[in-house]
């Protein structure tokens, strides 16, 4: 099993309070994520695609449908981004979570993936899951802030799946400009803000800093990236939140919630309903983006 790297630059985790708060948040979420979206080895913590809503009758079936929806994002994004037709050998997975995406890129594309997380336990879990998946030689966990990933011109591509809303965009794109090789790519899947009043509840609940699409486009352009792909997938993500609400209610009935999630149950239900409504009425927008380094 490959040992997670913890570079000297990762000391920023303790010196930058917002980053420390994000790390603590994901540490506390680990048990719930494993229970809901495990057992692995590909475990995801991101919004999935639901093209036809069916509400299963059991908690286990709800979980299976949610996991399938998360996997569908990876396959559809890979096709939209033409990952088999662009340089995609050395890949940075920024904000990798429990490594489901990193393991996918290694298994499906043979990519060498540096899986960056700021949660110490997640780095260890990514390494364990990579062994289970048989790709331990291809997936290298890195305990590091996304703004302090070491190296220069060392990646063909960077991917951020539902994680870039925790990074300050301008500094992150500037760091990517140094990390990505000429004509390399940045691929992003995330939620974007259309109505400012929705920001506070989302940011509080997920310890995030959700941004507008223009904020991303401006930051990318200033760092020397050119936009290539934009695909609005809001309609495919809306009913993911219908399923997460149903699952949380089923878990509460089954008394399966961790103390951390039980304390947040009502808030969680309200924020997930807000996500669903925002994606329905245009207050929020989910999209797949790609940029090329000029």
Protein backbone atom coordinates (compact mmCIF):
# COMPACT_ATOMS: atom_id res chain seq x y z
CA UNK A 1 0.00 0.00 0.00
CA UNK A 2 1.33 3.44 -0.91
CA UNK A 3 1.86 5.66 2.11
CA UNK A 4 0.08 9.03 1.90
CA UNK A 5 2.48 11.91 1.30
CA UNK A 6 2.33 14.83 3.71
CA UNK A 7 4.56 17.61 2.33
CA UNK A 8 5.96 20.42 4.39
CA UNK A 9 3.53 22.78 2.70
CA UNK A 10 0.63 20.99 4.37
CA UNK A 11 1.44 22.90 7.57
CA UNK A 12 -0.95 25.48 6.13
CA UNK A 13 -3.75 23.23 7.38
CA UNK A 14 -3.19 24.55 10.89
CA UNK A 15 -2.19 28.10 9.99
CA UNK A 16 -5.18 28.88 7.72
CA UNK A 17 -8.27 28.65 9.91
CA UNK A 18 -10.85 28.20 7.11
CA UNK A 19 -8.87 25.25 5.76
CA UNK A 20 -8.67 23.70 9.22
CA UNK A 21 -12.44 24.06 9.58
CA UNK A 22 -12.98 22.30 6.25
CA UNK A 23 -10.64 19.48 7.29
CA UNK A 24 -12.50 19.04 10.58
CA UNK A 25 -15.84 19.05 8.79
CA UNK A 26 -14.83 16.21 6.48
CA UNK A 27 -13.25 14.26 9.32
CA UNK A 28 -16.58 14.36 11.16
CA UNK A 29 -18.46 13.35 7.99
CA UNK A 30 -16.37 10.23 7.33
CA UNK A 31 -18.53 7.65 9.10
CA UNK A 32 -21.71 8.94 7.51
CA UNK A 33 -20.17 8.98 4.03
CA UNK A 34 -18.92 5.41 4.39
CA UNK A 35 -22.30 4.23 5.66
CA UNK A 36 -24.29 5.97 2.95
CA UNK A 37 -22.02 5.56 -0.05
CA UNK A 38 -19.70 2.69 0.88
CA UNK A 39 -18.40 0.11 1.35
CA UNK A 40 -16.02 0.86 -1.52
CA UNK A 41 -13.50 0.70 -2.94
CA UNK A 42 -15.03 3.53 -5.01
CA UNK A 43 -16.68 5.79 -2.42
CA UNK A 44 -18.01 9.16 -3.56
CA UNK A 45 -19.25 12.23 -1.73
CA UNK A 46 -20.77 14.30 -4.50
CA UNK A 47 -24.05 15.10 -6.22
CA UNK A 48 -25.16 12.44 -8.69
CA UNK A 49 -27.21 12.39 -11.87
CA UNK A 50 -30.85 11.26 -11.60
CA UNK A 51 -32.52 11.23 -15.01
CA UNK A 52 -35.68 9.39 -13.96
CA UNK A 53 -36.78 9.57 -10.35
CA UNK A 54 -37.83 6.37 -8.64
CA UNK A 55 -38.12 6.38 -4.86
CA UNK A 56 -37.06 2.94 -3.58
CA UNK A 57 -38.90 1.47 -0.62
CA UNK A 58 -35.89 0.53 1.49
CA UNK A 59 -32.91 2.36 2.94
CA UNK A 60 -30.49 -0.04 1.24
CA UNK A 61 -32.13 0.52 -2.15
CA UNK A 62 -31.98 4.29 -1.69
CA UNK A 63 -28.26 4.03 -1.03
CA UNK A 64 -27.69 1.85 -4.10
CA UNK A 65 -29.51 4.33 -6.32
CA UNK A 66 -27.52 7.26 -4.94
CA UNK A 67 -24.21 5.45 -5.48
CA UNK A 68 -25.24 4.57 -9.04
CA UNK A 69 -26.09 8.24 -9.67
CA UNK A 70 -22.65 9.32 -8.43
CA UNK A 71 -20.92 6.79 -10.68
CA UNK A 72 -22.97 8.01 -13.64
CA UNK A 73 -21.42 11.48 -13.25
CA UNK A 74 -17.95 10.01 -13.79
CA UNK A 75 -18.82 8.10 -16.97
CA UNK A 76 -20.81 10.97 -18.50
CA UNK A 77 -18.23 13.60 -17.55
CA UNK A 78 -15.41 11.51 -19.01
CA UNK A 79 -17.28 11.30 -22.31
CA UNK A 80 -18.16 15.01 -22.40
CA UNK A 81 -14.58 15.99 -21.58
CA UNK A 82 -13.16 13.58 -24.21
CA UNK A 83 -10.73 12.17 -21.66
CA UNK A 84 -9.65 9.38 -24.00
CA UNK A 85 -8.57 11.94 -26.61
CA UNK A 86 -6.58 14.40 -24.48
CA UNK A 87 -3.39 13.95 -22.43
CA UNK A 88 -4.59 12.25 -19.27
CA UNK A 89 -1.73 10.27 -17.80
CA UNK A 90 -0.60 12.38 -14.84
CA UNK A 91 -3.72 13.66 -13.09
CA UNK A 92 -4.34 15.81 -10.03
CA UNK A 93 -7.61 15.05 -8.21
CA UNK A 94 -8.14 18.17 -6.09
CA UNK A 95 -10.34 17.57 -3.07
CA UNK A 96 -10.55 13.83 -3.71
CA UNK A 97 -12.68 12.93 -0.70
CA UNK A 98 -12.46 9.18 -0.10
CA UNK A 99 -10.88 8.65 -3.50
CA UNK A 100 -13.74 7.25 -5.56
CA UNK A 101 -12.96 9.49 -8.52
CA UNK A 102 -9.20 8.98 -8.27
CA UNK A 103 -9.65 5.21 -8.31
CA UNK A 104 -12.05 5.53 -11.27
CA UNK A 105 -9.51 7.51 -13.33
CA UNK A 106 -6.85 4.91 -12.54
CA UNK A 107 -9.04 1.91 -13.32
CA UNK A 108 -10.77 3.24 -16.43
CA UNK A 109 -7.95 5.30 -17.96
CA UNK A 110 -4.74 3.92 -16.46
CA UNK A 111 -3.97 7.42 -15.14
CA UNK A 112 -1.41 8.10 -12.42
CA UNK A 113 -3.50 10.09 -9.95
CA UNK A 114 -2.32 12.33 -7.15
CA UNK A 115 -5.33 12.34 -4.82
CA UNK A 116 -5.27 15.52 -2.71
CA UNK A 117 -7.22 15.77 0.54
CA UNK A 118 -6.96 17.93 3.64
CA UNK A 119 -8.55 15.29 5.93
CA UNK A 120 -5.84 13.03 7.43
CA UNK A 121 -8.07 9.97 7.84
CA UNK A 122 -9.22 10.28 4.24
CA UNK A 123 -5.65 10.04 2.96
CA UNK A 124 -5.28 6.71 4.75
CA UNK A 125 -8.64 5.49 3.48
CA UNK A 126 -7.79 6.42 -0.11
CA UNK A 127 -4.61 4.36 0.16
CA UNK A 128 -6.57 1.38 1.56
CA UNK A 129 -9.26 1.60 -1.11
CA UNK A 130 -6.64 1.84 -3.87
CA UNK A 131 -5.19 -1.46 -2.64
CA UNK A 132 -8.64 -3.05 -2.66
CA UNK A 133 -9.18 -1.81 -6.21
CA UNK A 134 -5.79 -3.10 -7.38
CA UNK A 135 -4.52 0.35 -8.37
CA UNK A 136 -2.21 1.16 -5.47
CA UNK A 137 0.65 1.78 -7.94
CA UNK A 138 -1.45 4.40 -9.75
CA UNK A 139 -3.11 6.34 -6.90
CA UNK A 140 -0.96 8.44 -4.57
CA UNK A 141 -2.79 10.11 -1.67
CA UNK A 142 -1.43 13.54 -0.77
CA UNK A 143 -2.37 15.26 2.50
CA UNK A 144 -2.24 18.87 1.39
CA UNK A 145 -4.13 22.10 0.91
CA UNK A 146 -5.19 22.49 -2.73
CA UNK A 147 -3.38 25.84 -2.83
CA UNK A 148 -0.04 24.33 -1.79
CA UNK A 149 0.25 21.23 -3.97
CA UNK A 150 4.00 20.97 -4.73
CA UNK A 151 5.53 20.81 -8.20
CA UNK A 152 5.78 22.65 -11.50
CA UNK A 153 4.44 21.55 -14.91
CA UNK A 154 3.87 18.05 -13.58
CA UNK A 155 0.24 17.26 -14.46
CA UNK A 156 -1.60 16.72 -17.73
CA UNK A 157 -4.90 17.55 -16.05
CA UNK A 158 -6.52 18.60 -12.79
CA UNK A 159 -10.00 17.49 -11.80
CA UNK A 160 -12.25 18.91 -9.08
CA UNK A 161 -15.53 17.08 -8.58
CA UNK A 162 -17.85 18.96 -6.23
CA UNK A 163 -14.82 20.23 -4.33
CA UNK A 164 -13.82 23.54 -5.93
CA UNK A 165 -16.44 25.37 -3.89
CA UNK A 166 -14.10 24.99 -0.90
CA UNK A 167 -11.15 26.63 -2.70
CA UNK A 168 -10.65 30.39 -3.17
CA UNK A 169 -10.89 30.46 -6.94
CA UNK A 170 -8.28 33.04 -8.02
CA UNK A 171 -5.42 31.60 -5.90
CA UNK A 172 -6.41 28.07 -6.88
CA UNK A 173 -6.33 28.79 -10.62
CA UNK A 174 -2.99 30.55 -10.20
CA UNK A 175 -1.59 27.44 -8.50
CA UNK A 176 -3.04 25.25 -11.26
CA UNK A 177 -1.33 27.43 -13.86
CA UNK A 178 2.01 26.42 -12.33
CA UNK A 179 1.10 22.74 -11.91
CA UNK A 180 -0.49 22.03 -15.32
CA UNK A 181 1.68 21.39 -18.36
CA UNK A 182 1.24 23.55 -21.49
CA UNK A 183 -2.01 22.67 -23.28
CA UNK A 184 -3.13 20.68 -20.23
CA UNK A 185 -6.66 20.79 -18.87
CA UNK A 186 -8.71 21.63 -15.79
CA UNK A 187 -12.01 19.77 -15.41
CA UNK A 188 -14.64 20.95 -12.94
CA UNK A 189 -17.99 19.61 -11.83
CA UNK A 190 -19.70 21.82 -9.29
CA UNK A 191 -22.65 23.94 -8.23
CA UNK A 192 -22.69 27.64 -9.08
CA UNK A 193 -24.57 30.46 -7.41
CA UNK A 194 -27.21 32.40 -9.34
CA UNK A 195 -29.02 34.07 -6.42
CA UNK A 196 -26.84 35.58 -3.66
CA UNK A 197 -29.30 34.87 -0.84
CA UNK A 198 -28.71 31.12 -1.22
CA UNK A 199 -25.00 31.36 -0.42
CA UNK A 200 -25.10 31.60 3.38
CA UNK A 201 -27.09 28.44 4.19
CA UNK A 202 -25.07 26.41 1.66
CA UNK A 203 -21.74 27.71 2.93
CA UNK A 204 -22.65 27.13 6.57
CA UNK A 205 -23.91 23.62 6.00
CA UNK A 206 -20.98 22.37 3.89
CA UNK A 207 -18.24 24.66 5.21
CA UNK A 208 -17.96 25.95 1.64
CA UNK A 209 -17.56 29.18 -0.30
CA UNK A 210 -19.87 28.68 -3.27
CA UNK A 211 -19.14 30.95 -6.22
CA UNK A 212 -20.73 32.25 -9.39
CA UNK A 213 -19.87 30.93 -12.82
CA UNK A 214 -18.40 34.32 -13.78
CA UNK A 215 -16.11 34.16 -10.76
CA UNK A 216 -14.66 30.90 -12.10
CA UNK A 217 -14.39 32.17 -15.65
CA UNK A 218 -12.64 35.36 -14.58
CA UNK A 219 -10.20 33.52 -12.31
CA UNK A 220 -9.39 30.99 -15.03
CA UNK A 221 -8.84 33.64 -17.70
CA UNK A 222 -6.59 35.73 -15.46
CA UNK A 223 -4.48 32.65 -14.72
CA UNK A 224 -4.01 31.88 -18.42
CA UNK A 225 -6.72 29.28 -19.04
CA UNK A 226 -9.19 29.24 -21.90
CA UNK A 227 -12.70 27.83 -21.43
CA UNK A 228 -13.55 24.89 -23.67
CA UNK A 229 -16.62 23.05 -22.38
CA UNK A 230 -19.70 24.20 -20.53
CA UNK A 231 -22.58 21.81 -19.97
CA UNK A 232 -25.47 22.77 -17.72
CA UNK A 233 -26.57 19.62 -15.87
CA UNK A 234 -28.88 21.21 -13.31
CA UNK A 235 -31.87 19.18 -14.48
CA UNK A 236 -29.92 15.96 -13.93
CA UNK A 237 -28.91 16.85 -10.36
CA UNK A 238 -32.20 18.21 -9.00
CA UNK A 239 -33.71 14.90 -7.92
CA UNK A 240 -30.50 13.69 -6.32
CA UNK A 241 -31.61 15.92 -3.45
CA UNK A 242 -35.05 14.31 -3.42
CA UNK A 243 -33.29 11.01 -2.79
CA UNK A 244 -30.94 12.37 -0.13
CA UNK A 245 -33.90 13.78 1.79
CA UNK A 246 -35.67 10.43 1.58
CA UNK A 247 -32.51 8.64 2.71
CA UNK A 248 -31.94 10.94 5.69
CA UNK A 249 -35.53 10.43 6.79
CA UNK A 250 -35.17 6.65 6.43
CA UNK A 251 -31.91 6.69 8.40
CA UNK A 252 -33.57 8.72 11.16
CA UNK A 253 -36.40 6.19 11.34
CA UNK A 254 -33.87 3.36 11.44
CA UNK A 255 -31.82 5.23 14.07
CA UNK A 256 -28.72 4.99 11.87
CA UNK A 257 -27.58 8.60 12.00
CA UNK A 258 -24.28 9.42 13.69
CA UNK A 259 -24.45 11.97 16.54
CA UNK A 260 -22.85 14.50 14.16
CA UNK A 261 -25.55 14.01 11.52
CA UNK A 262 -28.40 13.66 14.01
CA UNK A 263 -27.55 17.10 15.40
CA UNK A 264 -27.71 18.48 11.86
CA UNK A 265 -30.75 16.51 10.70
CA UNK A 266 -33.29 19.34 10.48
CA UNK A 267 -30.80 21.76 8.99
CA UNK A 268 -29.72 19.10 6.51
CA UNK A 269 -33.27 18.46 5.36
CA UNK A 270 -33.85 22.20 4.91
CA UNK A 271 -30.62 22.79 2.98
CA UNK A 272 -31.14 19.75 0.74
CA UNK A 273 -34.65 21.04 -0.04
CA UNK A 274 -33.11 24.43 -0.79
CA UNK A 275 -30.69 22.76 -3.22
CA UNK A 276 -33.55 21.00 -4.98
CA UNK A 277 -35.62 24.18 -5.21
CA UNK A 278 -32.65 26.28 -6.35
CA UNK A 279 -31.86 23.82 -9.12
CA UNK A 280 -35.54 23.84 -10.14
CA UNK A 281 -36.05 27.61 -10.29
CA UNK A 282 -32.62 28.78 -11.46
CA UNK A 283 -31.26 30.00 -8.14
CA UNK A 284 -28.45 27.44 -8.48
CA UNK A 285 -26.79 25.79 -11.43
CA UNK A 286 -24.78 22.58 -11.70
CA UNK A 287 -22.38 22.38 -14.61
CA UNK A 288 -19.49 20.48 -16.14
CA UNK A 289 -16.66 22.79 -17.22
CA UNK A 290 -13.28 22.38 -18.82
CA UNK A 291 -10.40 24.78 -19.40
CA UNK A 292 -7.17 24.54 -21.38
CA UNK A 293 -3.87 26.13 -20.42
CA UNK A 294 -2.76 28.34 -23.30
